[in-house]
Amino acid sequence: MKRIIVLALFVSAACAADVAGTWQLAVTTSQGSGTPTMVLQQEGERITGTFNSQIFGQVKISGTVKGNAIEFGFEGSAADQTMKVSYKGTVESPTSMKGTAVYAGVDDNATWTATKK
């Protein structure tokens, strides 16, 4: 039984897209657009890293990648207010991703693309 669990964990991790590295994003919200960067580290399905934008500065992000589905988010401060931000999307290829984002209280339908540097 223990071997089956270990094998299932290995297969699950092996199926996750590899998103580790530096990414250039293009984000469009109802308030305008921006080009933040993010640096991701990956351990199996778990991702962590930093998101660097003109509005939020550098913030820590965390999330998951399962197969080609990616989700990550952070809390950042802008204009003396804390905002929760969540991204969902699809890893299209080893060098591209795209999806939607929610900037709580500001925009529930932002869009984004990312290209690996």
N, C-alpha and C. Protein backbone atom coordinates (compact mmCIF):
# COMPACT_ATOMS: atom_id res chain seq x y z
N MET A 1 0.83 -1.20 0.00
CA MET A 1 0.00 0.00 0.00
C MET A 1 0.87 1.26 0.00
N LYS A 2 1.95 1.22 0.78
CA LYS A 2 2.84 2.38 0.86
C LYS A 2 3.46 2.68 -0.50
N ARG A 3 3.81 1.64 -1.24
CA ARG A 3 4.40 1.82 -2.56
C ARG A 3 3.41 2.48 -3.53
N ILE A 4 2.15 2.13 -3.41
CA ILE A 4 1.13 2.70 -4.29
C ILE A 4 1.00 4.20 -4.02
N ILE A 5 1.00 4.59 -2.76
CA ILE A 5 0.89 6.01 -2.41
C ILE A 5 2.10 6.77 -2.92
N VAL A 6 3.29 6.23 -2.72
CA VAL A 6 4.51 6.89 -3.20
C VAL A 6 4.48 7.01 -4.72
N LEU A 7 4.07 5.95 -5.41
CA LEU A 7 3.98 5.98 -6.86
C LEU A 7 2.95 7.01 -7.32
N ALA A 8 1.80 7.08 -6.65
CA ALA A 8 0.77 8.07 -7.01
C ALA A 8 1.30 9.48 -6.84
N LEU A 9 2.03 9.74 -5.77
CA LEU A 9 2.61 11.07 -5.57
C LEU A 9 3.63 11.40 -6.64
N PHE A 10 4.45 10.42 -7.02
CA PHE A 10 5.45 10.62 -8.05
C PHE A 10 4.80 10.91 -9.39
N VAL A 11 3.79 10.15 -9.76
CA VAL A 11 3.10 10.34 -11.03
C VAL A 11 2.42 11.70 -11.05
N SER A 12 1.79 12.09 -9.94
CA SER A 12 1.12 13.39 -9.86
C SER A 12 2.12 14.52 -10.06
N ALA A 13 3.28 14.45 -9.40
CA ALA A 13 4.30 15.49 -9.55
C ALA A 13 4.87 15.50 -10.95
N ALA A 14 5.02 14.33 -11.55
CA ALA A 14 5.58 14.24 -12.89
C ALA A 14 4.65 14.84 -13.94
N CYS A 15 3.36 14.85 -13.66
CA CYS A 15 2.39 15.36 -14.62
C CYS A 15 2.23 16.87 -14.58
N ALA A 16 2.73 17.51 -13.53
CA ALA A 16 2.60 18.96 -13.42
C ALA A 16 3.54 19.63 -14.42
N ALA A 17 3.04 20.66 -15.10
CA ALA A 17 3.87 21.42 -16.04
C ALA A 17 5.02 22.07 -15.27
N ASP A 18 6.15 22.22 -15.89
CA ASP A 18 7.31 22.87 -15.27
C ASP A 18 7.23 24.37 -15.51
N VAL A 19 6.97 25.13 -14.44
CA VAL A 19 6.84 26.58 -14.57
C VAL A 19 7.93 27.34 -13.83
N ALA A 20 8.91 26.63 -13.29
CA ALA A 20 10.00 27.30 -12.58
C ALA A 20 10.76 28.22 -13.53
N GLY A 21 11.11 29.41 -13.02
CA GLY A 21 11.87 30.35 -13.82
C GLY A 21 11.30 31.75 -13.75
N THR A 22 11.78 32.61 -14.62
CA THR A 22 11.37 34.01 -14.66
C THR A 22 10.37 34.22 -15.80
N TRP A 23 9.28 34.91 -15.48
CA TRP A 23 8.19 35.13 -16.43
C TRP A 23 7.89 36.61 -16.58
N GLN A 24 7.66 37.05 -17.80
CA GLN A 24 7.21 38.41 -18.09
C GLN A 24 5.71 38.35 -18.36
N LEU A 25 4.93 39.09 -17.60
CA LEU A 25 3.48 39.09 -17.75
C LEU A 25 3.00 40.33 -18.49
N ALA A 26 1.84 40.22 -19.09
CA ALA A 26 1.10 41.36 -19.63
C ALA A 26 -0.29 41.23 -19.03
N VAL A 27 -0.66 42.18 -18.16
CA VAL A 27 -1.92 42.12 -17.43
C VAL A 27 -2.81 43.28 -17.87
N THR A 28 -4.08 42.99 -18.15
CA THR A 28 -5.04 44.01 -18.51
C THR A 28 -6.19 43.97 -17.51
N THR A 29 -6.43 45.11 -16.84
CA THR A 29 -7.53 45.23 -15.89
C THR A 29 -8.43 46.38 -16.33
N SER A 30 -9.54 46.54 -15.64
CA SER A 30 -10.44 47.65 -15.95
C SER A 30 -9.80 48.99 -15.62
N GLN A 31 -8.73 48.98 -14.84
CA GLN A 31 -8.03 50.20 -14.43
C GLN A 31 -6.82 50.51 -15.31
N GLY A 32 -6.49 49.61 -16.24
CA GLY A 32 -5.34 49.82 -17.11
C GLY A 32 -4.56 48.53 -17.28
N SER A 33 -3.34 48.66 -17.78
CA SER A 33 -2.53 47.47 -18.04
C SER A 33 -1.14 47.64 -17.44
N GLY A 34 -0.45 46.52 -17.30
CA GLY A 34 0.90 46.55 -16.75
C GLY A 34 1.70 45.35 -17.21
N THR A 35 2.99 45.39 -16.93
CA THR A 35 3.89 44.32 -17.36
C THR A 35 4.75 43.85 -16.18
N PRO A 36 4.15 43.23 -15.18
CA PRO A 36 4.93 42.74 -14.05
C PRO A 36 5.78 41.53 -14.44
N THR A 37 6.72 41.21 -13.59
CA THR A 37 7.51 40.00 -13.76
C THR A 37 7.30 39.12 -12.54
N MET A 38 7.50 37.83 -12.70
CA MET A 38 7.47 36.93 -11.56
C MET A 38 8.54 35.88 -11.71
N VAL A 39 9.07 35.46 -10.57
CA VAL A 39 10.06 34.40 -10.52
C VAL A 39 9.45 33.28 -9.71
N LEU A 40 9.33 32.09 -10.32
CA LEU A 40 8.69 30.96 -9.68
C LEU A 40 9.68 29.85 -9.35
N GLN A 41 9.49 29.27 -8.18
CA GLN A 41 10.15 28.02 -7.81
C GLN A 41 9.05 26.98 -7.73
N GLN A 42 9.39 25.74 -8.06
CA GLN A 42 8.38 24.68 -8.09
C GLN A 42 8.90 23.44 -7.40
N GLU A 43 8.04 22.86 -6.58
CA GLU A 43 8.31 21.59 -5.93
C GLU A 43 7.08 20.72 -6.13
N GLY A 44 7.12 19.85 -7.13
CA GLY A 44 5.94 19.06 -7.47
C GLY A 44 4.86 19.98 -8.01
N GLU A 45 3.70 19.96 -7.36
CA GLU A 45 2.58 20.82 -7.78
C GLU A 45 2.60 22.17 -7.08
N ARG A 46 3.44 22.34 -6.08
CA ARG A 46 3.45 23.58 -5.29
C ARG A 46 4.40 24.60 -5.92
N ILE A 47 3.93 25.84 -6.05
CA ILE A 47 4.79 26.91 -6.55
C ILE A 47 4.85 28.05 -5.52
N THR A 48 6.01 28.66 -5.46
CA THR A 48 6.23 29.84 -4.64
C THR A 48 7.10 30.78 -5.45
N GLY A 49 7.20 32.01 -5.00
CA GLY A 49 8.07 32.93 -5.71
C GLY A 49 7.77 34.37 -5.39
N THR A 50 8.16 35.25 -6.31
CA THR A 50 7.96 36.69 -6.14
C THR A 50 7.28 37.25 -7.38
N PHE A 51 6.47 38.27 -7.14
CA PHE A 51 5.75 39.00 -8.18
C PHE A 51 6.19 40.44 -8.03
N ASN A 52 6.68 41.04 -9.10
CA ASN A 52 7.21 42.39 -9.03
C ASN A 52 6.47 43.27 -10.04
N SER A 53 5.75 44.28 -9.50
CA SER A 53 5.01 45.18 -10.37
C SER A 53 5.19 46.62 -9.92
N GLN A 54 4.86 47.53 -10.80
CA GLN A 54 4.96 48.95 -10.50
C GLN A 54 4.00 49.34 -9.38
N ILE A 55 2.84 48.72 -9.32
CA ILE A 55 1.83 49.07 -8.32
C ILE A 55 2.12 48.44 -6.96
N PHE A 56 2.44 47.16 -6.93
CA PHE A 56 2.61 46.45 -5.66
C PHE A 56 4.06 46.34 -5.20
N GLY A 57 5.01 46.66 -6.05
CA GLY A 57 6.40 46.40 -5.71
C GLY A 57 6.64 44.90 -5.76
N GLN A 58 7.50 44.40 -4.90
CA GLN A 58 7.78 42.97 -4.88
C GLN A 58 7.01 42.31 -3.74
N VAL A 59 6.21 41.30 -4.08
CA VAL A 59 5.43 40.56 -3.09
C VAL A 59 5.66 39.07 -3.29
N LYS A 60 5.45 38.30 -2.22
CA LYS A 60 5.59 36.84 -2.30
C LYS A 60 4.29 36.25 -2.81
N ILE A 61 4.44 35.26 -3.69
CA ILE A 61 3.27 34.56 -4.24
C ILE A 61 3.37 33.08 -3.90
N SER A 62 2.22 32.41 -3.90
CA SER A 62 2.19 30.96 -3.73
C SER A 62 1.01 30.43 -4.52
N GLY A 63 1.08 29.15 -4.85
CA GLY A 63 0.00 28.56 -5.62
C GLY A 63 0.29 27.13 -5.99
N THR A 64 -0.41 26.66 -7.01
CA THR A 64 -0.27 25.29 -7.47
C THR A 64 -0.28 25.23 -9.00
N VAL A 65 0.30 24.16 -9.50
CA VAL A 65 0.18 23.82 -10.91
C VAL A 65 -0.15 22.33 -10.96
N LYS A 66 -1.30 22.03 -11.56
CA LYS A 66 -1.77 20.65 -11.66
C LYS A 66 -2.02 20.36 -13.13
N GLY A 67 -1.20 19.49 -13.69
CA GLY A 67 -1.26 19.28 -15.13
C GLY A 67 -0.86 20.58 -15.80
N ASN A 68 -1.75 21.13 -16.62
CA ASN A 68 -1.45 22.43 -17.24
C ASN A 68 -2.27 23.57 -16.63
N ALA A 69 -2.97 23.31 -15.51
CA ALA A 69 -3.75 24.34 -14.82
C ALA A 69 -2.88 24.99 -13.73
N ILE A 70 -2.81 26.32 -13.73
CA ILE A 70 -2.01 27.04 -12.75
C ILE A 70 -2.89 28.02 -11.99
N GLU A 71 -2.63 28.12 -10.69
CA GLU A 71 -3.31 29.09 -9.83
C GLU A 71 -2.27 29.65 -8.87
N PHE A 72 -2.27 30.96 -8.69
CA PHE A 72 -1.38 31.58 -7.72
C PHE A 72 -1.97 32.90 -7.28
N GLY A 73 -1.47 33.41 -6.17
CA GLY A 73 -2.00 34.67 -5.68
C GLY A 73 -1.10 35.31 -4.65
N PHE A 74 -1.52 36.50 -4.22
CA PHE A 74 -0.76 37.26 -3.24
C PHE A 74 -1.65 38.34 -2.62
N GLU A 75 -1.17 38.92 -1.54
CA GLU A 75 -1.77 40.12 -0.97
C GLU A 75 -0.77 41.24 -1.15
N GLY A 76 -1.23 42.35 -1.66
CA GLY A 76 -0.34 43.48 -1.89
C GLY A 76 -0.97 44.78 -1.43
N SER A 77 -0.15 45.76 -1.20
CA SER A 77 -0.65 47.07 -0.80
C SER A 77 -0.49 48.05 -1.94
N ALA A 78 -1.57 48.79 -2.21
CA ALA A 78 -1.57 49.83 -3.24
C ALA A 78 -2.43 50.97 -2.73
N ALA A 79 -1.93 52.17 -2.81
CA ALA A 79 -2.66 53.36 -2.37
C ALA A 79 -3.15 53.18 -0.93
N ASP A 80 -2.27 52.69 -0.07
CA ASP A 80 -2.56 52.48 1.36
C ASP A 80 -3.70 51.51 1.64
N GLN A 81 -3.99 50.64 0.69
CA GLN A 81 -5.00 49.61 0.88
C GLN A 81 -4.41 48.25 0.56
N THR A 82 -4.78 47.24 1.35
CA THR A 82 -4.34 45.88 1.08
C THR A 82 -5.35 45.23 0.15
N MET A 83 -4.84 44.56 -0.88
CA MET A 83 -5.70 43.94 -1.87
C MET A 83 -5.29 42.48 -2.06
N LYS A 84 -6.29 41.60 -2.13
CA LYS A 84 -6.04 40.20 -2.41
C LYS A 84 -6.16 40.00 -3.92
N VAL A 85 -5.15 39.35 -4.50
CA VAL A 85 -5.10 39.14 -5.95
C VAL A 85 -4.95 37.65 -6.22
N SER A 86 -5.77 37.11 -7.12
CA SER A 86 -5.65 35.69 -7.48
C SER A 86 -5.65 35.53 -8.99
N TYR A 87 -4.77 34.67 -9.45
CA TYR A 87 -4.61 34.37 -10.87
C TYR A 87 -4.96 32.90 -11.12
N LYS A 88 -5.64 32.64 -12.22
CA LYS A 88 -5.92 31.28 -12.68
C LYS A 88 -5.63 31.25 -14.17
N GLY A 89 -5.10 30.12 -14.62
CA GLY A 89 -4.82 30.04 -16.04
C GLY A 89 -4.38 28.68 -16.49
N THR A 90 -3.84 28.68 -17.70
CA THR A 90 -3.40 27.46 -18.36
C THR A 90 -1.97 27.64 -18.85
N VAL A 91 -1.15 26.62 -18.61
CA VAL A 91 0.20 26.59 -19.18
C VAL A 91 0.02 26.10 -20.62
N GLU A 92 0.23 26.99 -21.57
CA GLU A 92 0.01 26.68 -22.99
C GLU A 92 1.17 25.92 -23.60
N SER A 93 2.39 26.20 -23.15
CA SER A 93 3.60 25.57 -23.65
C SER A 93 4.69 25.77 -22.60
N PRO A 94 5.88 25.24 -22.79
CA PRO A 94 6.94 25.46 -21.80
C PRO A 94 7.31 26.94 -21.62
N THR A 95 6.91 27.81 -22.56
CA THR A 95 7.28 29.22 -22.48
C THR A 95 6.10 30.18 -22.49
N SER A 96 4.86 29.68 -22.36
CA SER A 96 3.73 30.62 -22.35
C SER A 96 2.58 30.12 -21.47
N MET A 97 1.91 31.09 -20.86
CA MET A 97 0.73 30.85 -20.02
C MET A 97 -0.26 31.97 -20.29
N LYS A 98 -1.54 31.72 -19.94
CA LYS A 98 -2.54 32.79 -20.03
C LYS A 98 -3.70 32.45 -19.12
N GLY A 99 -4.49 33.50 -18.78
CA GLY A 99 -5.63 33.23 -17.94
C GLY A 99 -6.34 34.50 -17.51
N THR A 100 -7.04 34.39 -16.38
CA THR A 100 -7.80 35.50 -15.81
C THR A 100 -7.30 35.76 -14.39
N ALA A 101 -7.60 36.95 -13.90
CA ALA A 101 -7.20 37.32 -12.54
C ALA A 101 -8.30 38.12 -11.87
N VAL A 102 -8.34 38.02 -10.56
CA VAL A 102 -9.28 38.79 -9.76
C VAL A 102 -8.48 39.70 -8.84
N TYR A 103 -8.70 41.00 -8.97
CA TYR A 103 -8.13 42.00 -8.07
C TYR A 103 -9.29 42.42 -7.17
N ALA A 104 -9.38 41.82 -5.98
CA ALA A 104 -10.55 41.96 -5.10
C ALA A 104 -10.93 43.42 -4.90
N GLY A 105 -12.20 43.70 -5.17
CA GLY A 105 -12.74 45.03 -5.00
C GLY A 105 -12.45 45.99 -6.13
N VAL A 106 -11.67 45.56 -7.11
CA VAL A 106 -11.29 46.44 -8.22
C VAL A 106 -11.72 45.85 -9.56
N ASP A 107 -11.37 44.59 -9.81
CA ASP A 107 -11.67 43.97 -11.10
C ASP A 107 -11.78 42.46 -10.92
N ASP A 108 -12.92 41.90 -11.29
CA ASP A 108 -13.14 40.46 -11.18
C ASP A 108 -12.86 39.73 -12.49
N ASN A 109 -12.44 40.45 -13.52
CA ASN A 109 -12.28 39.82 -14.83
C ASN A 109 -11.06 40.35 -15.58
N ALA A 110 -9.94 40.48 -14.87
CA ALA A 110 -8.70 40.89 -15.54
C ALA A 110 -8.18 39.72 -16.36
N THR A 111 -7.37 40.01 -17.37
CA THR A 111 -6.76 38.96 -18.19
C THR A 111 -5.25 39.10 -18.14
N TRP A 112 -4.56 37.99 -18.40
CA TRP A 112 -3.11 38.02 -18.38
C TRP A 112 -2.52 36.97 -19.31
N THR A 113 -1.33 37.27 -19.79
CA THR A 113 -0.50 36.33 -20.52
C THR A 113 0.89 36.40 -19.91
N ALA A 114 1.65 35.33 -20.08
CA ALA A 114 3.02 35.31 -19.55
C ALA A 114 3.93 34.58 -20.52
N THR A 115 5.14 35.12 -20.66
CA THR A 115 6.17 34.52 -21.51
C THR A 115 7.41 34.28 -20.66
N LYS A 116 7.94 33.07 -20.74
CA LYS A 116 9.12 32.73 -19.97
C LYS A 116 10.34 33.39 -20.57
N LYS A 117 11.13 34.03 -19.73
CA LYS A 117 12.35 34.70 -20.19
C LYS A 117 13.48 33.70 -20.36
